[in-house]
Structures are given as C-alpha cells and as structure tokens.
Amino acid sequence: MQLTASAELKAKIERATNLMRHANPTGDLAVVFERALDLLIGQLEKRRLGKTKGCGTKASRGSTRPGYVTAAVRREVFERDGEQCAFVDEAGQKCTARAFLELDHGIPRACGGADDAANVSVLCRRHNAFAAECAFGRETIERKKAERKTDPRQRGPRDQDDKALRALSGMGFSRQEANRAIEVVCGRWAGAVPPLETMLREAIGILT
C-alpha cells in the first residue's frame, strides 16, 4: 500500500509508532494502521450506526423527542438493513450502495412520521433524494433548495441554516459539505423547520 503523506501526517504516524513501541517493538506500520483503523471504525460505528458495547438485542423504541432518531433505533435499522441501501427498484433489484448511507423516514416527519425503526430505513444519498421527491414532488424540493440559497435575512426561520453552517464550519467541515448536509436535513423536514439542535445533530450524522 502506498500513499502520499503531508509533513503533518508523517509526524503523526511517527508519533503513533513511537508511542506503540512497547506493543509493537519493530515499529511495523501495518500494526499501527490496523490499530488506528480499529479505533476509527469503533468511533464511526458508534456515531453513524448507533453501536455501543454490550448493546444487546432488546427491541428499540422510537424517540420521545420529535425529530430525533435515537442511537438504539439507528443501531436497529442499520443492523436490519445490513448496512446497505434498502432501496428496491420495480424489477426487484436491490441497491448495492454501502457508502453515503442516510436514514430515510417512510412517512416523512413533516407528515407526522414517527422516528421508530418501523418507519425508518437506510438509503444511499441518491435514493434518499429520490424518496423525498416521491413524497413531496420535485418542484417542492427544488423550491426549498432555492429558498435556502436566498438572502438569509429574507428566510425568516431559515436563518438558523446559517447558524448551523457557521457551527459546522467551526467543527472543521467544509462549507460545501456543510451546506449539502443542511439541505438533506431540511429536505427531510419539507415544509417544517427543524430545531437548530436537531439540524446540527442530523447534519453531523450525515457528514460523519
């Protein structure tokens, strides 16, 4: 395996290798990278899939807070759908995407859909957008996108989009990716305005 590393990355690799010398006396980079990936995957599984140590098999319940998918529901849904897009086309072919996965509400939140596992499924970004168009119509989705690109002073409640954008940028996410995540979140709430805390939580889930 080969990669091009910046001076900063090279320094991080060397530091990690030195800190692991007692467990990895030869400084084998394969051991360093495997340990690093184990930790990274564990963090991402907890954040994206809702996995926790000793989570058990107890059925999860929906959130008591509107607009919030609990870690238990997230975990159940990703396990049920096999960490793969659950979209099936008219010919019975299932989407094979395992990247850019998002949670979709069968009955949209804006229409009173619940945040429980029975109403939530895993979809890739493309099919999640397609589901939103099927639920609300392409014209509605495009109009909502256009509204979010207008002057923030004319958005009314949508000015919190900019608050969310500033917060996400402060966390190190690029403005382009942050804007995309905010659009996805707002698309799920078509016609309604999600609380800022919910917007940030869901956007972070999309970005990570």
N, C-alpha and C. Protein backbone atom coordinates (compact mmCIF):
# COMPACT_ATOMS: atom_id res chain seq x y z
N MET A 1 0.85 -1.19 0.00
CA MET A 1 0.00 0.00 0.00
C MET A 1 0.88 1.23 0.00
N GLN A 2 0.55 2.17 -0.86
CA GLN A 2 1.30 3.41 -0.95
C GLN A 2 0.36 4.59 -0.79
N LEU A 3 0.86 5.67 -0.20
CA LEU A 3 0.08 6.89 -0.09
C LEU A 3 1.02 8.08 -0.03
N THR A 4 0.50 9.22 -0.40
CA THR A 4 1.27 10.45 -0.33
C THR A 4 0.89 11.16 0.97
N ALA A 5 1.85 11.37 1.84
CA ALA A 5 1.57 11.94 3.16
C ALA A 5 2.17 13.33 3.29
N SER A 6 1.42 14.21 3.91
CA SER A 6 1.94 15.54 4.20
C SER A 6 2.92 15.44 5.36
N ALA A 7 3.63 16.53 5.61
CA ALA A 7 4.57 16.53 6.73
C ALA A 7 3.84 16.32 8.05
N GLU A 8 2.64 16.89 8.15
CA GLU A 8 1.85 16.74 9.38
C GLU A 8 1.44 15.29 9.59
N LEU A 9 0.99 14.62 8.50
CA LEU A 9 0.59 13.22 8.62
C LEU A 9 1.79 12.34 8.95
N LYS A 10 2.91 12.61 8.32
CA LYS A 10 4.12 11.84 8.59
C LYS A 10 4.52 11.95 10.06
N ALA A 11 4.39 13.17 10.61
CA ALA A 11 4.73 13.36 12.01
C ALA A 11 3.78 12.59 12.92
N LYS A 12 2.48 12.55 12.56
CA LYS A 12 1.50 11.81 13.35
C LYS A 12 1.80 10.31 13.32
N ILE A 13 2.16 9.80 12.15
CA ILE A 13 2.47 8.38 12.02
C ILE A 13 3.69 8.03 12.87
N GLU A 14 4.71 8.87 12.80
CA GLU A 14 5.92 8.61 13.58
C GLU A 14 5.64 8.65 15.07
N ARG A 15 4.80 9.61 15.49
CA ARG A 15 4.48 9.72 16.92
C ARG A 15 3.69 8.51 17.39
N ALA A 16 2.69 8.11 16.60
CA ALA A 16 1.90 6.93 16.96
C ALA A 16 2.78 5.69 17.03
N THR A 17 3.71 5.56 16.07
CA THR A 17 4.61 4.41 16.06
C THR A 17 5.48 4.39 17.31
N ASN A 18 6.00 5.53 17.69
CA ASN A 18 6.84 5.60 18.88
C ASN A 18 6.06 5.30 20.15
N LEU A 19 4.83 5.80 20.22
CA LEU A 19 4.00 5.56 21.41
C LEU A 19 3.59 4.09 21.53
N MET A 20 3.63 3.36 20.41
CA MET A 20 3.24 1.94 20.42
C MET A 20 4.43 1.00 20.54
N ARG A 21 5.63 1.51 20.73
CA ARG A 21 6.82 0.67 20.69
C ARG A 21 6.78 -0.50 21.67
N HIS A 22 6.17 -0.31 22.84
CA HIS A 22 6.13 -1.41 23.79
C HIS A 22 5.29 -2.57 23.27
N ALA A 23 4.22 -2.24 22.56
CA ALA A 23 3.36 -3.28 22.00
C ALA A 23 3.79 -3.67 20.59
N ASN A 24 4.57 -2.82 19.93
CA ASN A 24 5.00 -3.06 18.56
C ASN A 24 6.46 -2.66 18.43
N PRO A 25 7.38 -3.45 19.03
CA PRO A 25 8.80 -3.08 19.12
C PRO A 25 9.46 -2.79 17.78
N THR A 26 9.04 -3.47 16.72
CA THR A 26 9.68 -3.28 15.41
C THR A 26 9.17 -2.04 14.68
N GLY A 27 8.11 -1.45 15.19
CA GLY A 27 7.55 -0.27 14.50
C GLY A 27 6.86 -0.62 13.20
N ASP A 28 6.33 -1.85 13.12
CA ASP A 28 5.64 -2.30 11.90
C ASP A 28 4.44 -1.39 11.62
N LEU A 29 4.46 -0.71 10.46
CA LEU A 29 3.39 0.24 10.15
C LEU A 29 2.04 -0.45 9.97
N ALA A 30 2.04 -1.71 9.54
CA ALA A 30 0.79 -2.44 9.37
C ALA A 30 0.06 -2.55 10.71
N VAL A 31 0.83 -2.79 11.78
CA VAL A 31 0.25 -2.90 13.12
C VAL A 31 -0.31 -1.55 13.55
N VAL A 32 0.43 -0.48 13.27
CA VAL A 32 -0.01 0.86 13.63
C VAL A 32 -1.32 1.21 12.93
N PHE A 33 -1.37 0.99 11.62
CA PHE A 33 -2.56 1.34 10.86
C PHE A 33 -3.76 0.48 11.24
N GLU A 34 -3.52 -0.81 11.51
CA GLU A 34 -4.63 -1.67 11.90
C GLU A 34 -5.21 -1.21 13.23
N ARG A 35 -4.37 -0.87 14.19
CA ARG A 35 -4.86 -0.40 15.48
C ARG A 35 -5.62 0.92 15.31
N ALA A 36 -5.07 1.80 14.48
CA ALA A 36 -5.72 3.09 14.24
C ALA A 36 -7.08 2.90 13.59
N LEU A 37 -7.16 1.98 12.62
CA LEU A 37 -8.43 1.73 11.94
C LEU A 37 -9.45 1.09 12.87
N ASP A 38 -8.98 0.21 13.77
CA ASP A 38 -9.89 -0.39 14.75
C ASP A 38 -10.56 0.69 15.59
N LEU A 39 -9.75 1.67 16.03
CA LEU A 39 -10.28 2.76 16.85
C LEU A 39 -11.22 3.65 16.04
N LEU A 40 -10.82 3.97 14.80
CA LEU A 40 -11.64 4.82 13.95
C LEU A 40 -12.97 4.16 13.63
N ILE A 41 -12.93 2.87 13.25
CA ILE A 41 -14.16 2.16 12.92
C ILE A 41 -15.08 2.09 14.13
N GLY A 42 -14.50 1.88 15.32
CA GLY A 42 -15.31 1.85 16.52
C GLY A 42 -16.02 3.17 16.76
N GLN A 43 -15.30 4.29 16.57
CA GLN A 43 -15.90 5.61 16.74
C GLN A 43 -16.99 5.87 15.71
N LEU A 44 -16.73 5.49 14.44
CA LEU A 44 -17.71 5.73 13.39
C LEU A 44 -18.95 4.85 13.56
N GLU A 45 -18.75 3.60 14.01
CA GLU A 45 -19.89 2.72 14.24
C GLU A 45 -20.77 3.27 15.35
N LYS A 46 -20.16 3.84 16.36
CA LYS A 46 -20.94 4.42 17.46
C LYS A 46 -21.70 5.65 16.98
N ARG A 47 -21.03 6.49 16.19
CA ARG A 47 -21.64 7.75 15.75
C ARG A 47 -22.65 7.53 14.64
N ARG A 48 -22.29 6.73 13.64
CA ARG A 48 -23.15 6.58 12.46
C ARG A 48 -24.17 5.47 12.62
N LEU A 49 -23.78 4.36 13.28
CA LEU A 49 -24.66 3.20 13.36
C LEU A 49 -25.32 3.04 14.72
N GLY A 50 -24.92 3.86 15.68
CA GLY A 50 -25.51 3.77 17.00
C GLY A 50 -25.03 2.59 17.81
N LYS A 51 -23.92 1.98 17.41
CA LYS A 51 -23.43 0.79 18.11
C LYS A 51 -22.75 1.18 19.42
N THR A 52 -23.00 0.36 20.43
CA THR A 52 -22.35 0.54 21.72
C THR A 52 -21.93 -0.82 22.24
N LYS A 53 -21.00 -0.84 23.18
CA LYS A 53 -20.57 -2.09 23.76
C LYS A 53 -21.70 -2.69 24.57
N GLY A 54 -21.94 -3.99 24.34
CA GLY A 54 -22.96 -4.69 25.11
C GLY A 54 -24.34 -4.12 24.89
N CYS A 55 -24.65 -3.76 23.62
CA CYS A 55 -25.94 -3.13 23.36
C CYS A 55 -27.09 -4.13 23.44
N GLY A 56 -26.79 -5.42 23.31
CA GLY A 56 -27.82 -6.44 23.46
C GLY A 56 -28.77 -6.47 22.27
N THR A 57 -29.87 -7.24 22.43
CA THR A 57 -30.82 -7.42 21.34
C THR A 57 -32.20 -6.88 21.67
N LYS A 58 -32.31 -6.15 22.77
CA LYS A 58 -33.60 -5.62 23.17
C LYS A 58 -34.14 -4.68 22.10
N ALA A 59 -35.41 -4.87 21.79
CA ALA A 59 -36.03 -4.05 20.74
C ALA A 59 -35.97 -2.58 21.14
N SER A 60 -35.66 -1.73 20.16
CA SER A 60 -35.53 -0.31 20.44
C SER A 60 -36.87 0.39 20.27
N ARG A 61 -37.02 1.48 20.96
CA ARG A 61 -38.21 2.29 20.86
C ARG A 61 -37.90 3.60 20.15
N GLY A 62 -38.94 4.21 19.61
CA GLY A 62 -38.75 5.50 18.97
C GLY A 62 -38.44 6.55 20.01
N SER A 63 -37.98 7.69 19.55
CA SER A 63 -37.63 8.78 20.45
C SER A 63 -38.88 9.43 21.01
N THR A 64 -38.78 9.91 22.24
CA THR A 64 -39.86 10.70 22.83
C THR A 64 -39.72 12.16 22.46
N ARG A 65 -38.61 12.51 21.81
CA ARG A 65 -38.38 13.88 21.37
C ARG A 65 -38.61 13.95 19.87
N PRO A 66 -39.58 14.72 19.40
CA PRO A 66 -39.86 14.83 17.97
C PRO A 66 -38.62 15.26 17.20
N GLY A 67 -38.39 14.60 16.07
CA GLY A 67 -37.27 14.99 15.22
C GLY A 67 -35.94 14.42 15.64
N TYR A 68 -35.96 13.35 16.44
CA TYR A 68 -34.70 12.78 16.91
C TYR A 68 -34.75 11.27 16.81
N VAL A 69 -33.84 10.69 16.02
CA VAL A 69 -33.71 9.24 15.92
C VAL A 69 -32.70 8.79 16.97
N THR A 70 -33.11 7.98 17.90
CA THR A 70 -32.23 7.56 18.98
C THR A 70 -31.13 6.63 18.46
N ALA A 71 -30.07 6.51 19.26
CA ALA A 71 -28.98 5.60 18.90
C ALA A 71 -29.49 4.17 18.81
N ALA A 72 -30.44 3.81 19.68
CA ALA A 72 -30.98 2.45 19.66
C ALA A 72 -31.72 2.17 18.35
N VAL A 73 -32.51 3.12 17.89
CA VAL A 73 -33.23 2.96 16.63
C VAL A 73 -32.24 2.93 15.47
N ARG A 74 -31.27 3.84 15.49
CA ARG A 74 -30.24 3.86 14.44
C ARG A 74 -29.54 2.52 14.35
N ARG A 75 -29.16 1.98 15.51
CA ARG A 75 -28.47 0.68 15.55
C ARG A 75 -29.35 -0.42 14.98
N GLU A 76 -30.62 -0.46 15.40
CA GLU A 76 -31.53 -1.50 14.93
C GLU A 76 -31.73 -1.43 13.42
N VAL A 77 -31.89 -0.21 12.91
CA VAL A 77 -32.16 -0.04 11.48
C VAL A 77 -30.96 -0.44 10.63
N PHE A 78 -29.75 -0.02 11.04
CA PHE A 78 -28.57 -0.38 10.26
C PHE A 78 -28.31 -1.88 10.32
N GLU A 79 -28.56 -2.51 11.46
CA GLU A 79 -28.39 -3.96 11.56
C GLU A 79 -29.43 -4.68 10.71
N ARG A 80 -30.66 -4.22 10.77
CA ARG A 80 -31.74 -4.84 9.99
C ARG A 80 -31.48 -4.75 8.49
N ASP A 81 -31.01 -3.58 8.04
CA ASP A 81 -30.79 -3.37 6.60
C ASP A 81 -29.40 -3.79 6.14
N GLY A 82 -28.60 -4.35 7.04
CA GLY A 82 -27.31 -4.87 6.65
C GLY A 82 -26.29 -3.83 6.25
N GLU A 83 -26.44 -2.60 6.81
CA GLU A 83 -25.51 -1.51 6.48
C GLU A 83 -25.41 -1.32 4.97
N GLN A 84 -26.56 -1.38 4.32
CA GLN A 84 -26.63 -1.24 2.86
C GLN A 84 -27.93 -0.54 2.51
N CYS A 85 -27.92 0.20 1.41
CA CYS A 85 -29.13 0.86 0.95
C CYS A 85 -30.25 -0.16 0.77
N ALA A 86 -31.42 0.14 1.31
CA ALA A 86 -32.55 -0.79 1.28
C ALA A 86 -33.47 -0.57 0.08
N PHE A 87 -33.11 0.34 -0.82
CA PHE A 87 -33.98 0.63 -1.96
C PHE A 87 -34.05 -0.56 -2.91
N VAL A 88 -35.28 -0.89 -3.33
CA VAL A 88 -35.51 -1.96 -4.29
C VAL A 88 -36.30 -1.39 -5.45
N ASP A 89 -35.81 -1.58 -6.69
CA ASP A 89 -36.49 -0.99 -7.84
C ASP A 89 -37.67 -1.85 -8.28
N GLU A 90 -38.36 -1.42 -9.34
CA GLU A 90 -39.55 -2.11 -9.81
C GLU A 90 -39.25 -3.51 -10.30
N ALA A 91 -38.00 -3.76 -10.68
CA ALA A 91 -37.62 -5.09 -11.16
C ALA A 91 -37.17 -6.00 -10.02
N GLY A 92 -37.23 -5.48 -8.80
CA GLY A 92 -36.83 -6.29 -7.66
C GLY A 92 -35.35 -6.27 -7.37
N GLN A 93 -34.60 -5.38 -8.03
CA GLN A 93 -33.17 -5.28 -7.81
C GLN A 93 -32.88 -4.33 -6.65
N LYS A 94 -32.11 -4.82 -5.69
CA LYS A 94 -31.78 -4.01 -4.52
C LYS A 94 -30.52 -3.20 -4.79
N CYS A 95 -30.52 -1.96 -4.35
CA CYS A 95 -29.33 -1.11 -4.48
C CYS A 95 -28.19 -1.72 -3.66
N THR A 96 -26.99 -1.71 -4.20
CA THR A 96 -25.84 -2.32 -3.53
C THR A 96 -24.96 -1.31 -2.80
N ALA A 97 -25.38 -0.04 -2.77
CA ALA A 97 -24.55 1.00 -2.18
C ALA A 97 -24.34 0.77 -0.68
N ARG A 98 -23.09 0.95 -0.24
CA ARG A 98 -22.75 0.86 1.17
C ARG A 98 -22.04 2.13 1.65
N ALA A 99 -21.95 3.12 0.79
CA ALA A 99 -21.33 4.39 1.16
C ALA A 99 -22.36 5.51 1.04
N PHE A 100 -22.12 6.63 1.71
CA PHE A 100 -23.02 7.77 1.73
C PHE A 100 -24.43 7.34 2.16
N LEU A 101 -24.50 6.49 3.19
CA LEU A 101 -25.78 6.00 3.67
C LEU A 101 -26.43 7.02 4.60
N GLU A 102 -27.75 7.13 4.49
CA GLU A 102 -28.52 8.07 5.31
C GLU A 102 -29.79 7.38 5.78
N LEU A 103 -30.44 7.96 6.79
CA LEU A 103 -31.69 7.41 7.29
C LEU A 103 -32.86 8.12 6.62
N ASP A 104 -33.82 7.33 6.16
CA ASP A 104 -35.00 7.87 5.48
C ASP A 104 -36.25 7.48 6.27
N HIS A 105 -37.19 8.42 6.37
CA HIS A 105 -38.48 8.16 7.02
C HIS A 105 -39.50 7.76 5.95
N GLY A 106 -40.06 6.54 6.07
CA GLY A 106 -41.05 6.09 5.10
C GLY A 106 -42.22 7.06 5.02
N ILE A 107 -42.77 7.41 6.19
CA ILE A 107 -43.74 8.50 6.29
C ILE A 107 -42.95 9.71 6.77
N PRO A 108 -42.77 10.74 5.96
CA PRO A 108 -41.93 11.87 6.33
C PRO A 108 -42.34 12.50 7.66
N ARG A 109 -41.37 13.05 8.35
CA ARG A 109 -41.66 13.72 9.61
C ARG A 109 -42.68 14.84 9.42
N ALA A 110 -42.54 15.56 8.31
CA ALA A 110 -43.44 16.67 8.04
C ALA A 110 -44.89 16.21 7.92
N CYS A 111 -45.08 14.91 7.67
CA CYS A 111 -46.43 14.33 7.55
C CYS A 111 -46.81 13.54 8.79
N GLY A 112 -46.03 13.72 9.85
CA GLY A 112 -46.35 13.03 11.10
C GLY A 112 -45.66 11.70 11.28
N GLY A 113 -44.69 11.38 10.43
CA GLY A 113 -43.99 10.11 10.53
C GLY A 113 -43.20 9.97 11.82
N ALA A 114 -43.20 8.77 12.36
CA ALA A 114 -42.52 8.51 13.64
C ALA A 114 -41.03 8.29 13.42
N ASP A 115 -40.27 8.41 14.53
CA ASP A 115 -38.82 8.20 14.49
C ASP A 115 -38.45 6.80 14.98
N ASP A 116 -39.35 5.83 14.79
CA ASP A 116 -39.06 4.47 15.24
C ASP A 116 -38.57 3.62 14.08
N ALA A 117 -38.07 2.43 14.41
CA ALA A 117 -37.45 1.56 13.40
C ALA A 117 -38.44 1.14 12.31
N ALA A 118 -39.72 1.03 12.67
CA ALA A 118 -40.71 0.61 11.68
C ALA A 118 -40.88 1.63 10.56
N ASN A 119 -40.55 2.89 10.84
CA ASN A 119 -40.74 3.95 9.85
C ASN A 119 -39.43 4.45 9.25
N VAL A 120 -38.32 3.91 9.72
CA VAL A 120 -37.01 4.39 9.28
C VAL A 120 -36.26 3.28 8.55
N SER A 121 -35.60 3.64 7.47
CA SER A 121 -34.80 2.67 6.73
C SER A 121 -33.52 3.33 6.24
N VAL A 122 -32.57 2.52 5.81
CA VAL A 122 -31.29 3.01 5.31
C VAL A 122 -31.38 3.19 3.80
N LEU A 123 -31.03 4.38 3.34
CA LEU A 123 -30.97 4.65 1.91
C LEU A 123 -29.66 5.37 1.59
N CYS A 124 -29.15 5.16 0.40
CA CYS A 124 -27.98 5.91 -0.03
C CYS A 124 -28.43 7.34 -0.35
N ARG A 125 -27.50 8.24 -0.52
CA ARG A 125 -27.83 9.65 -0.75
C ARG A 125 -28.74 9.83 -1.96
N ARG A 126 -28.44 9.10 -3.04
CA ARG A 126 -29.22 9.26 -4.28
C ARG A 126 -30.66 8.81 -4.08
N HIS A 127 -30.84 7.65 -3.45
CA HIS A 127 -32.20 7.14 -3.27
C HIS A 127 -32.95 7.87 -2.16
N ASN A 128 -32.23 8.46 -1.21
CA ASN A 128 -32.89 9.27 -0.21
C ASN A 128 -33.48 10.52 -0.86
N ALA A 129 -32.70 11.12 -1.77
CA ALA A 129 -33.19 12.29 -2.50
C ALA A 129 -34.38 11.90 -3.38
N PHE A 130 -34.31 10.71 -3.99
CA PHE A 130 -35.41 10.22 -4.82
C PHE A 130 -36.68 10.02 -3.99
N ALA A 131 -36.51 9.49 -2.76
CA ALA A 131 -37.65 9.27 -1.87
C ALA A 131 -38.30 10.59 -1.50
N ALA A 132 -37.48 11.61 -1.28
CA ALA A 132 -38.02 12.93 -0.94
C ALA A 132 -38.83 13.50 -2.10
N GLU A 133 -38.34 13.30 -3.32
CA GLU A 133 -39.07 13.79 -4.50
C GLU A 133 -40.39 13.05 -4.66
N CYS A 134 -40.37 11.74 -4.37
CA CYS A 134 -41.61 10.96 -4.47
C CYS A 134 -42.64 11.43 -3.44
N ALA A 135 -42.15 11.79 -2.26
CA ALA A 135 -43.05 12.19 -1.17
C ALA A 135 -43.61 13.59 -1.36
N PHE A 136 -42.77 14.52 -1.81
CA PHE A 136 -43.18 15.92 -1.86
C PHE A 136 -43.24 16.51 -3.26
N GLY A 137 -42.69 15.78 -4.25
CA GLY A 137 -42.65 16.30 -5.60
C GLY A 137 -41.36 17.04 -5.88
N ARG A 138 -40.84 16.90 -7.08
CA ARG A 138 -39.57 17.53 -7.43
C ARG A 138 -39.65 19.05 -7.33
N GLU A 139 -40.78 19.61 -7.74
CA GLU A 139 -40.91 21.07 -7.71
C GLU A 139 -40.78 21.59 -6.28
N THR A 140 -41.39 20.89 -5.33
CA THR A 140 -41.31 21.33 -3.93
C THR A 140 -39.88 21.27 -3.42
N ILE A 141 -39.19 20.18 -3.72
CA ILE A 141 -37.81 20.02 -3.26
C ILE A 141 -36.92 21.08 -3.87
N GLU A 142 -37.08 21.32 -5.18
CA GLU A 142 -36.26 22.34 -5.84
C GLU A 142 -36.57 23.73 -5.30
N ARG A 143 -37.83 23.98 -4.98
CA ARG A 143 -38.19 25.28 -4.43
C ARG A 143 -37.56 25.47 -3.05
N LYS A 144 -37.56 24.42 -2.23
CA LYS A 144 -36.95 24.51 -0.91
C LYS A 144 -35.46 24.76 -1.02
N LYS A 145 -34.81 24.10 -1.98
CA LYS A 145 -33.39 24.33 -2.19
C LYS A 145 -33.13 25.78 -2.59
N ALA A 146 -33.98 26.30 -3.49
CA ALA A 146 -33.80 27.67 -3.95
C ALA A 146 -34.00 28.65 -2.80
N GLU A 147 -34.97 28.36 -1.93
CA GLU A 147 -35.23 29.25 -0.80
C GLU A 147 -34.03 29.32 0.14
N ARG A 148 -33.35 28.19 0.30
CA ARG A 148 -32.21 28.17 1.22
C ARG A 148 -30.99 28.87 0.64
N LYS A 149 -31.05 29.21 -0.66
CA LYS A 149 -29.93 29.91 -1.28
C LYS A 149 -30.16 31.42 -1.34
N THR A 150 -31.33 31.87 -0.87
CA THR A 150 -31.64 33.29 -0.92
C THR A 150 -30.98 34.01 0.24
N ASP A 151 -31.14 35.32 0.26
CA ASP A 151 -30.60 36.14 1.34
C ASP A 151 -31.13 35.65 2.68
N PRO A 152 -30.24 35.29 3.61
CA PRO A 152 -30.68 34.79 4.91
C PRO A 152 -31.67 35.72 5.61
N ARG A 153 -31.57 37.04 5.38
CA ARG A 153 -32.46 37.98 6.04
C ARG A 153 -33.90 37.84 5.56
N GLN A 154 -34.08 37.17 4.40
CA GLN A 154 -35.42 37.01 3.87
C GLN A 154 -35.97 35.61 4.11
N ARG A 155 -35.25 34.80 4.89
CA ARG A 155 -35.68 33.42 5.09
C ARG A 155 -36.60 33.25 6.29
N GLY A 156 -36.63 34.21 7.18
CA GLY A 156 -37.41 34.03 8.40
C GLY A 156 -36.74 32.96 9.24
N PRO A 157 -37.49 31.90 9.63
CA PRO A 157 -36.93 30.85 10.47
C PRO A 157 -35.71 30.18 9.86
N ARG A 158 -35.54 30.26 8.53
CA ARG A 158 -34.43 29.59 7.87
C ARG A 158 -33.09 30.25 8.17
N ASP A 159 -33.09 31.37 8.89
CA ASP A 159 -31.81 31.98 9.20
C ASP A 159 -30.99 31.07 10.10
N GLN A 160 -31.63 30.07 10.68
CA GLN A 160 -30.86 29.14 11.50
C GLN A 160 -30.01 28.22 10.63
N ASP A 161 -30.30 28.17 9.32
CA ASP A 161 -29.41 27.44 8.41
C ASP A 161 -28.00 28.01 8.51
N ASP A 162 -27.93 29.35 8.58
CA ASP A 162 -26.62 29.99 8.64
C ASP A 162 -25.95 29.76 9.98
N LYS A 163 -26.76 29.71 11.04
CA LYS A 163 -26.20 29.37 12.34
C LYS A 163 -25.62 27.97 12.32
N ALA A 164 -26.35 27.05 11.71
CA ALA A 164 -25.87 25.68 11.61
C ALA A 164 -24.62 25.61 10.74
N LEU A 165 -24.61 26.37 9.64
CA LEU A 165 -23.45 26.38 8.75
C LEU A 165 -22.21 26.89 9.48
N ARG A 166 -22.37 27.97 10.25
CA ARG A 166 -21.23 28.51 11.00
C ARG A 166 -20.74 27.50 12.04
N ALA A 167 -21.69 26.82 12.69
CA ALA A 167 -21.31 25.84 13.71
C ALA A 167 -20.55 24.67 13.08
N LEU A 168 -21.04 24.18 11.95
CA LEU A 168 -20.38 23.05 11.29
C LEU A 168 -19.02 23.45 10.74
N SER A 169 -18.92 24.66 10.21
CA SER A 169 -17.63 25.15 9.72
C SER A 169 -16.64 25.26 10.87
N GLY A 170 -17.14 25.67 12.04
CA GLY A 170 -16.27 25.76 13.20
C GLY A 170 -15.77 24.42 13.68
N MET A 171 -16.50 23.34 13.32
CA MET A 171 -16.08 21.99 13.69
C MET A 171 -15.07 21.41 12.69
N GLY A 172 -14.81 22.16 11.62
CA GLY A 172 -13.81 21.71 10.65
C GLY A 172 -14.37 21.18 9.35
N PHE A 173 -15.70 21.17 9.20
CA PHE A 173 -16.30 20.70 7.95
C PHE A 173 -16.25 21.83 6.92
N SER A 174 -16.08 21.46 5.65
CA SER A 174 -16.06 22.47 4.60
C SER A 174 -17.46 23.06 4.43
N ARG A 175 -17.52 24.30 3.95
CA ARG A 175 -18.82 24.96 3.76
C ARG A 175 -19.66 24.21 2.73
N GLN A 176 -19.01 23.66 1.70
CA GLN A 176 -19.74 22.94 0.66
C GLN A 176 -20.41 21.70 1.24
N GLU A 177 -19.65 20.89 2.01
CA GLU A 177 -20.21 19.69 2.60
C GLU A 177 -21.26 20.04 3.66
N ALA A 178 -20.99 21.08 4.44
CA ALA A 178 -21.95 21.50 5.46
C ALA A 178 -23.26 21.94 4.83
N ASN A 179 -23.18 22.71 3.73
CA ASN A 179 -24.39 23.16 3.03
C ASN A 179 -25.18 21.98 2.51
N ARG A 180 -24.47 20.99 1.95
CA ARG A 180 -25.15 19.81 1.42
C ARG A 180 -25.87 19.06 2.52
N ALA A 181 -25.21 18.89 3.67
CA ALA A 181 -25.81 18.18 4.79
C ALA A 181 -27.05 18.91 5.29
N ILE A 182 -26.97 20.24 5.38
CA ILE A 182 -28.11 21.03 5.83
C ILE A 182 -29.28 20.89 4.86
N GLU A 183 -28.99 20.86 3.57
CA GLU A 183 -30.04 20.69 2.57
C GLU A 183 -30.74 19.35 2.73
N VAL A 184 -29.93 18.29 3.00
CA VAL A 184 -30.52 16.96 3.19
C VAL A 184 -31.43 16.95 4.40
N VAL A 185 -30.96 17.53 5.49
CA VAL A 185 -31.76 17.56 6.73
C VAL A 185 -33.05 18.34 6.50
N CYS A 186 -32.95 19.51 5.90
CA CYS A 186 -34.15 20.32 5.66
C CYS A 186 -35.09 19.63 4.68
N GLY A 187 -34.53 18.86 3.74
CA GLY A 187 -35.37 18.11 2.81
C GLY A 187 -36.23 17.08 3.53
N ARG A 188 -35.67 16.49 4.59
CA ARG A 188 -36.44 15.51 5.37
C ARG A 188 -37.60 16.18 6.10
N TRP A 189 -37.46 17.47 6.36
CA TRP A 189 -38.47 18.22 7.11
C TRP A 189 -39.27 19.13 6.18
N ALA A 190 -39.39 18.74 4.93
CA ALA A 190 -40.01 19.61 3.91
C ALA A 190 -41.27 20.29 4.45
N GLY A 191 -41.23 21.62 4.40
CA GLY A 191 -42.37 22.38 4.86
C GLY A 191 -42.33 22.73 6.33
N ALA A 192 -41.42 22.13 7.09
CA ALA A 192 -41.30 22.42 8.52
C ALA A 192 -39.88 22.85 8.82
N VAL A 193 -39.69 23.49 9.96
CA VAL A 193 -38.37 23.97 10.35
C VAL A 193 -37.86 23.15 11.53
N PRO A 194 -36.81 22.34 11.34
CA PRO A 194 -36.30 21.54 12.46
C PRO A 194 -35.60 22.43 13.48
N PRO A 195 -35.62 22.06 14.75
CA PRO A 195 -34.87 22.81 15.77
C PRO A 195 -33.39 22.82 15.41
N LEU A 196 -32.70 23.89 15.80
CA LEU A 196 -31.29 24.02 15.46
C LEU A 196 -30.49 22.84 15.99
N GLU A 197 -30.77 22.40 17.22
CA GLU A 197 -30.05 21.27 17.79
C GLU A 197 -30.24 20.02 16.94
N THR A 198 -31.46 19.80 16.49
CA THR A 198 -31.75 18.64 15.64
C THR A 198 -31.05 18.76 14.30
N MET A 199 -31.08 19.96 13.72
CA MET A 199 -30.41 20.18 12.44
C MET A 199 -28.92 19.87 12.53
N LEU A 200 -28.29 20.34 13.60
CA LEU A 200 -26.86 20.09 13.77
C LEU A 200 -26.58 18.61 13.98
N ARG A 201 -27.39 17.96 14.83
CA ARG A 201 -27.16 16.55 15.12
C ARG A 201 -27.28 15.70 13.86
N GLU A 202 -28.32 15.94 13.07
CA GLU A 202 -28.52 15.15 11.87
C GLU A 202 -27.47 15.48 10.81
N ALA A 203 -27.09 16.75 10.71
CA ALA A 203 -26.07 17.14 9.73
C ALA A 203 -24.73 16.48 10.06
N ILE A 204 -24.39 16.46 11.34
CA ILE A 204 -23.15 15.81 11.75
C ILE A 204 -23.19 14.32 11.44
N GLY A 205 -24.39 13.72 11.64
CA GLY A 205 -24.53 12.30 11.32
C GLY A 205 -24.31 12.03 9.84
N ILE A 206 -24.77 12.95 8.98
CA ILE A 206 -24.57 12.80 7.53
C ILE A 206 -23.10 12.99 7.17
N LEU A 207 -22.47 13.98 7.78
CA LEU A 207 -21.09 14.32 7.44
C LEU A 207 -20.08 13.30 7.97
N THR A 208 -20.46 12.55 8.99
CA THR A 208 -19.51 11.60 9.58
C THR A 208 -19.89 10.16 9.29
